Amino acid sequence: MINTLLGTKNGMTSTYDSRGRRVGATVVEIKPSVITQIKSEVGKDGYNSVQLGYGTKKSVKKPQLGLGKKIGIDQPIRWFREIRDDKEDLGDLKPGQQVKLDQVFSIGDEVKVTGISKGKGFQGGVRRWGFHGGPKTHGQSDRHRAPGAIGSGTTPGRVYKGKKMAGHMGNVQVSTTGLEVVSIDKEKNLLTIKGAVPGIAGGLVMVTKLGRIKGYTPPPEEKIDESEEGKVESVKSEQADIVKVGVTETPNKEVKDAS
């Protein structure tokens, strides 16, 4: 079975983790993904991979329609992503098979989320790289957010490649690792992940299962005693918890017969 599914980021919320702490979390909608193509080492491919199709769109390009028709799907598929893993055993997977949320993930899993970060446009060095800027005093009136010197003169006599400077920020593929699956809603196909994930609301993300969170202990399950003795004890405890308001009880007095 594969360890990666496609989904869309819904937004952020707050919830409680396994230790009872209130934490920020991201809700990801992961509807069933369909396997559109399988590649194997035997043949012309030379490696193992599974191509997943996710989401629908009103109009797509003809090659995308052709991939769907090959596996018997008439609806236009919006996204295609190839999951490559040479260690995976792909013998049980077939084109046209659907992979659901609960077949891959469970509460307490450690996951990696990959998506396209938010685009910030052209930004300066302070915002893009966290530069401190120039001094605020000693005659510096317009150099507060300037990058400063970018070279050292004769040696090397040029600017090094990869020098951190102002430029385009965001809109690149980013992966966030070490995240924890807090809850799963099978009916609504929602996966709640502790922490923030890259991308905008409605953007495509890839969620990969890495293993189990270290030291994770599931919450204890409440045991219900369905025996007759347990039912009698529960009724007695409920009666003891009832508080009568506005009623005063007086001790019973012995009534003697006057005759």
Protein backbone atom coordinates (compact mmCIF):
# COMPACT_ATOMS: atom_id res chain seq x y z
CA MET A 1 0.00 0.00 0.00
CA ILE A 2 1.18 3.52 -0.77
CA ASN A 3 2.03 5.97 2.01
CA THR A 4 1.06 9.26 0.30
CA LEU A 5 -2.30 10.81 -0.54
CA LEU A 6 -3.38 14.07 -2.16
CA GLY A 7 -5.67 16.61 -0.53
CA THR A 8 -6.62 20.26 -0.28
CA LYS A 9 -5.93 22.59 2.61
CA ASN A 10 -9.16 23.82 4.19
CA GLY A 11 -7.79 26.15 6.84
CA MET A 12 -6.58 26.29 10.44
CA THR A 13 -8.33 25.68 13.73
CA SER A 14 -7.48 24.77 17.32
CA THR A 15 -7.81 21.38 18.96
CA TYR A 16 -6.32 19.21 21.70
CA ASP A 17 -3.47 16.77 21.20
CA SER A 18 -2.92 13.41 22.87
CA ARG A 19 -1.39 15.08 25.95
CA GLY A 20 -4.40 17.31 26.48
CA ARG A 21 -2.73 20.53 25.31
CA ARG A 22 -4.60 23.03 23.16
CA VAL A 23 -2.66 23.45 19.92
CA GLY A 24 -3.09 25.01 16.51
CA ALA A 25 -4.00 22.57 13.78
CA THR A 26 -4.68 22.47 10.04
CA VAL A 27 -7.68 20.72 8.49
CA VAL A 28 -6.92 18.93 5.22
CA GLU A 29 -9.66 17.45 3.06
CA ILE A 30 -8.52 14.15 1.57
CA LYS A 31 -11.12 12.62 -0.70
CA PRO A 32 -10.50 9.19 -2.25
CA SER A 33 -7.65 9.32 -4.76
CA VAL A 34 -7.76 7.16 -7.86
CA ILE A 35 -4.73 5.28 -9.21
CA THR A 36 -4.31 6.35 -12.84
CA GLN A 37 -1.01 4.67 -13.71
CA ILE A 38 1.51 2.25 -12.24
CA LYS A 39 5.17 2.12 -13.26
CA SER A 40 7.52 -0.73 -12.39
CA GLU A 41 11.19 -1.55 -12.71
CA VAL A 42 10.40 -4.34 -15.17
CA GLY A 43 9.91 -2.78 -18.60
CA LYS A 44 10.58 0.66 -20.05
CA ASP A 45 10.09 2.65 -16.82
CA GLY A 46 13.00 1.42 -14.74
CA TYR A 47 11.58 2.49 -11.37
CA ASN A 48 8.54 1.95 -9.15
CA SER A 49 5.92 4.67 -8.88
CA VAL A 50 2.20 5.24 -8.59
CA GLN A 51 0.39 8.08 -10.33
CA LEU A 52 -2.59 9.44 -8.38
CA GLY A 53 -5.45 11.53 -9.73
CA TYR A 54 -7.35 13.86 -7.43
CA GLY A 55 -10.17 16.37 -7.73
CA THR A 56 -12.37 17.36 -10.64
CA LYS A 57 -12.52 20.37 -12.93
CA LYS A 58 -14.98 21.63 -15.50
CA SER A 59 -12.51 21.61 -18.36
CA VAL A 60 -9.07 20.04 -18.57
CA LYS A 61 -6.60 19.33 -21.36
CA LYS A 62 -7.05 16.36 -23.67
CA PRO A 63 -4.08 14.37 -22.33
CA GLN A 64 -5.67 14.49 -18.87
CA LEU A 65 -8.98 13.29 -20.30
CA GLY A 66 -7.14 10.47 -22.04
CA LEU A 67 -5.56 9.27 -18.80
CA GLY A 68 -8.96 9.13 -17.19
CA LYS A 69 -10.61 7.27 -20.06
CA LYS A 70 -7.91 4.59 -19.97
CA ILE A 71 -9.05 3.54 -16.51
CA GLY A 72 -12.76 4.06 -17.18
CA ILE A 73 -13.32 7.48 -15.57
CA ASP A 74 -15.41 9.99 -17.51
CA GLN A 75 -15.05 12.89 -15.07
CA PRO A 76 -12.14 15.24 -15.83
CA ILE A 77 -9.37 14.83 -13.24
CA ARG A 78 -7.81 18.08 -12.06
CA TRP A 79 -4.48 17.05 -10.48
CA PHE A 80 -2.03 14.26 -11.26
CA ARG A 81 0.95 13.50 -9.04
CA GLU A 82 3.47 10.69 -9.27
CA ILE A 83 4.59 9.05 -6.04
CA ARG A 84 7.95 7.39 -6.55
CA ASP A 85 9.23 4.86 -4.04
CA ASP A 86 11.53 2.02 -5.10
CA LYS A 87 10.96 0.22 -1.79
CA GLU A 88 7.19 -0.07 -2.18
CA ASP A 89 5.58 -3.34 -3.22
CA LEU A 90 3.09 -2.38 -5.92
CA GLY A 91 1.77 -5.84 -6.63
CA ASP A 92 -1.67 -5.32 -5.00
CA LEU A 93 -2.39 -1.96 -6.66
CA LYS A 94 -4.27 -1.66 -9.94
CA PRO A 95 -5.20 1.28 -12.21
CA GLY A 96 -8.68 2.56 -11.41
CA GLN A 97 -8.47 1.55 -7.74
CA GLN A 98 -9.48 4.14 -5.16
CA VAL A 99 -7.40 4.77 -2.04
CA LYS A 100 -9.27 6.22 0.94
CA LEU A 101 -8.10 8.27 3.89
CA ASP A 102 -8.45 5.62 6.61
CA GLN A 103 -6.52 3.07 4.54
CA VAL A 104 -3.29 5.05 4.90
CA PHE A 105 -3.45 7.28 7.99
CA SER A 106 -4.41 6.82 11.64
CA ILE A 107 -4.32 9.00 14.76
CA GLY A 108 -0.78 9.39 16.09
CA ASP A 109 1.00 9.10 12.74
CA GLU A 110 3.95 11.31 11.89
CA VAL A 111 3.44 12.91 8.48
CA LYS A 112 5.20 15.18 6.01
CA VAL A 113 3.13 17.75 4.12
CA THR A 114 4.35 19.16 0.80
CA GLY A 115 2.73 22.12 -0.94
CA ILE A 116 3.32 25.39 -2.78
CA SER A 117 3.99 28.24 -0.34
CA LYS A 118 2.13 31.53 -0.50
CA GLY A 119 3.51 33.99 -3.02
CA LYS A 120 4.76 37.27 -1.49
CA GLY A 121 6.00 39.00 -4.64
CA PHE A 122 9.22 41.05 -4.70
CA GLN A 123 10.48 41.61 -1.16
CA GLY A 124 13.55 43.19 0.40
CA GLY A 125 16.26 41.51 2.38
CA VAL A 126 14.70 42.26 5.77
CA ARG A 127 11.48 40.43 5.07
CA ARG A 128 12.87 37.79 2.72
CA TRP A 129 15.92 36.73 4.74
CA GLY A 130 15.54 38.42 8.12
CA PHE A 131 18.32 41.01 7.70
CA HIS A 132 18.73 43.34 10.68
CA GLY A 133 19.26 46.46 8.58
CA GLY A 134 21.54 49.41 9.28
CA PRO A 135 21.94 51.44 12.48
CA LYS A 136 19.09 53.66 13.56
CA THR A 137 21.34 56.51 14.75
CA HIS A 138 24.69 58.20 13.93
CA GLY A 139 23.41 60.01 10.88
CA GLN A 140 21.74 57.01 9.23
CA SER A 141 18.43 58.39 8.03
CA ASP A 142 17.61 56.21 5.01
CA ARG A 143 19.56 52.96 5.53
CA HIS A 144 17.36 51.23 8.10
CA ARG A 145 16.32 48.38 5.78
CA ALA A 146 19.26 48.42 3.34
CA PRO A 147 21.16 45.14 2.74
CA GLY A 148 24.64 46.63 3.11
CA ALA A 149 27.79 45.51 1.29
CA ILE A 150 27.52 42.45 -0.96
CA GLY A 151 31.20 41.90 -1.81
CA SER A 152 34.73 42.33 -0.49
CA GLY A 153 36.44 44.32 -3.28
CA THR A 154 39.42 42.98 -5.21
CA THR A 155 39.19 39.50 -3.72
CA PRO A 156 37.13 37.83 -5.07
CA GLY A 157 36.15 40.80 -7.24
CA ARG A 158 32.66 39.50 -7.85
CA VAL A 159 29.46 38.61 -6.03
CA TYR A 160 29.16 35.00 -4.93
CA LYS A 161 26.40 32.90 -6.42
CA GLY A 162 23.50 32.38 -4.07
CA LYS A 163 24.06 35.66 -2.22
CA LYS A 164 21.01 36.55 -0.16
CA MET A 165 19.49 39.67 -1.65
CA ALA A 166 16.12 41.19 -2.43
CA GLY A 167 13.99 39.25 -4.90
CA HIS A 168 10.93 37.11 -5.46
CA MET A 169 9.64 35.52 -2.25
CA GLY A 170 7.37 32.50 -1.88
CA ASN A 171 5.48 30.46 -4.49
CA VAL A 172 7.92 27.54 -4.23
CA GLN A 173 7.53 23.92 -3.17
CA VAL A 174 7.96 23.53 0.59
CA SER A 175 7.83 20.44 2.80
CA THR A 176 7.05 20.47 6.51
CA THR A 177 8.05 17.36 8.47
CA GLY A 178 7.43 16.06 11.98
CA LEU A 179 3.70 16.84 12.03
CA GLU A 180 1.20 14.76 14.01
CA VAL A 181 -2.20 13.47 12.95
CA VAL A 182 -4.60 14.58 15.71
CA SER A 183 -7.97 13.37 14.43
CA ILE A 184 -9.63 11.73 11.42
CA ASP A 185 -13.19 12.21 10.19
CA LYS A 186 -13.96 9.33 7.83
CA GLU A 187 -17.44 10.55 6.88
CA LYS A 188 -16.32 14.04 5.84
CA ASN A 189 -12.85 12.93 4.60
CA LEU A 190 -11.08 15.39 6.91
CA LEU A 191 -7.61 14.97 8.40
CA THR A 192 -6.59 17.27 11.26
CA ILE A 193 -2.83 17.81 11.48
CA LYS A 194 -1.09 19.49 14.40
CA GLY A 195 0.67 22.66 13.32
CA ALA A 196 0.72 24.66 10.09
CA VAL A 197 1.19 23.33 6.57
CA PRO A 198 2.38 25.25 3.48
CA GLY A 199 0.02 26.69 0.91
CA ILE A 200 -3.16 28.71 0.63
CA ALA A 201 -6.66 27.59 1.55
CA GLY A 202 -7.88 25.38 -1.27
CA GLY A 203 -4.38 24.58 -2.49
CA LEU A 204 -3.15 21.09 -3.29
CA VAL A 205 -0.97 19.33 -0.70
CA MET A 206 0.70 15.91 -0.54
CA VAL A 207 0.54 14.16 2.83
CA THR A 208 3.14 11.41 3.36
CA LYS A 209 3.16 9.01 6.29
CA LEU A 210 6.60 8.73 7.91
CA GLY A 211 5.82 6.50 10.88
CA ARG A 212 4.49 6.91 14.41
CA ILE A 213 5.06 9.85 16.75
CA LYS A 214 7.69 8.94 19.36
CA GLY A 215 6.18 8.45 22.79
CA TYR A 216 2.60 8.60 21.53
CA THR A 217 0.12 6.90 23.84
CA PRO A 218 -3.53 6.66 22.80
CA PRO A 219 -6.08 8.04 25.29
CA PRO A 220 -7.62 5.40 27.58
CA GLU A 221 -10.96 4.04 26.50
CA GLU A 222 -13.90 4.28 28.86
CA LYS A 223 -15.07 0.85 29.96
CA ILE A 224 -18.82 0.38 30.27
CA ASP A 225 -19.99 -2.22 32.79
CA GLU A 226 -23.07 -3.81 31.22
CA SER A 227 -23.62 -6.38 33.95
CA GLU A 228 -26.67 -6.26 36.23
CA GLU A 229 -24.60 -5.23 39.26
CA GLY A 230 -23.03 -2.42 37.28
CA LYS A 231 -26.42 -1.12 36.17
CA VAL A 232 -27.71 -1.14 39.77
CA GLU A 233 -24.64 0.75 40.99
CA SER A 234 -24.98 3.36 38.24
CA VAL A 235 -28.64 3.94 39.13
CA LYS A 236 -27.76 4.35 42.81
CA SER A 237 -25.01 6.85 41.97
CA GLU A 238 -27.37 8.86 39.78
CA GLN A 239 -29.96 8.98 42.55
CA ALA A 240 -27.34 10.14 45.03
CA ASP A 241 -26.35 13.01 42.74
CA ILE A 242 -29.88 14.41 42.54
CA VAL A 243 -30.24 17.52 44.66
CA LYS A 244 -33.72 18.55 45.66
CA VAL A 245 -34.16 22.31 45.62
CA GLY A 246 -36.79 23.95 47.83
CA VAL A 247 -37.75 20.75 49.64
CA THR A 248 -36.87 20.23 53.28
CA GLU A 249 -37.08 16.80 54.71
CA THR A 250 -38.12 16.33 58.35
CA PRO A 251 -37.32 13.27 60.38
CA ASN A 252 -40.10 10.73 60.65
CA LYS A 253 -42.00 10.85 63.96
CA GLU A 254 -43.67 7.89 65.50
CA VAL A 255 -47.44 8.26 65.47
CA LYS A 256 -49.14 6.55 68.40
CA ASP A 257 -52.66 5.34 68.21
CA ALA A 258 -54.80 7.32 70.69
CA SER A 259 -57.31 4.54 71.02
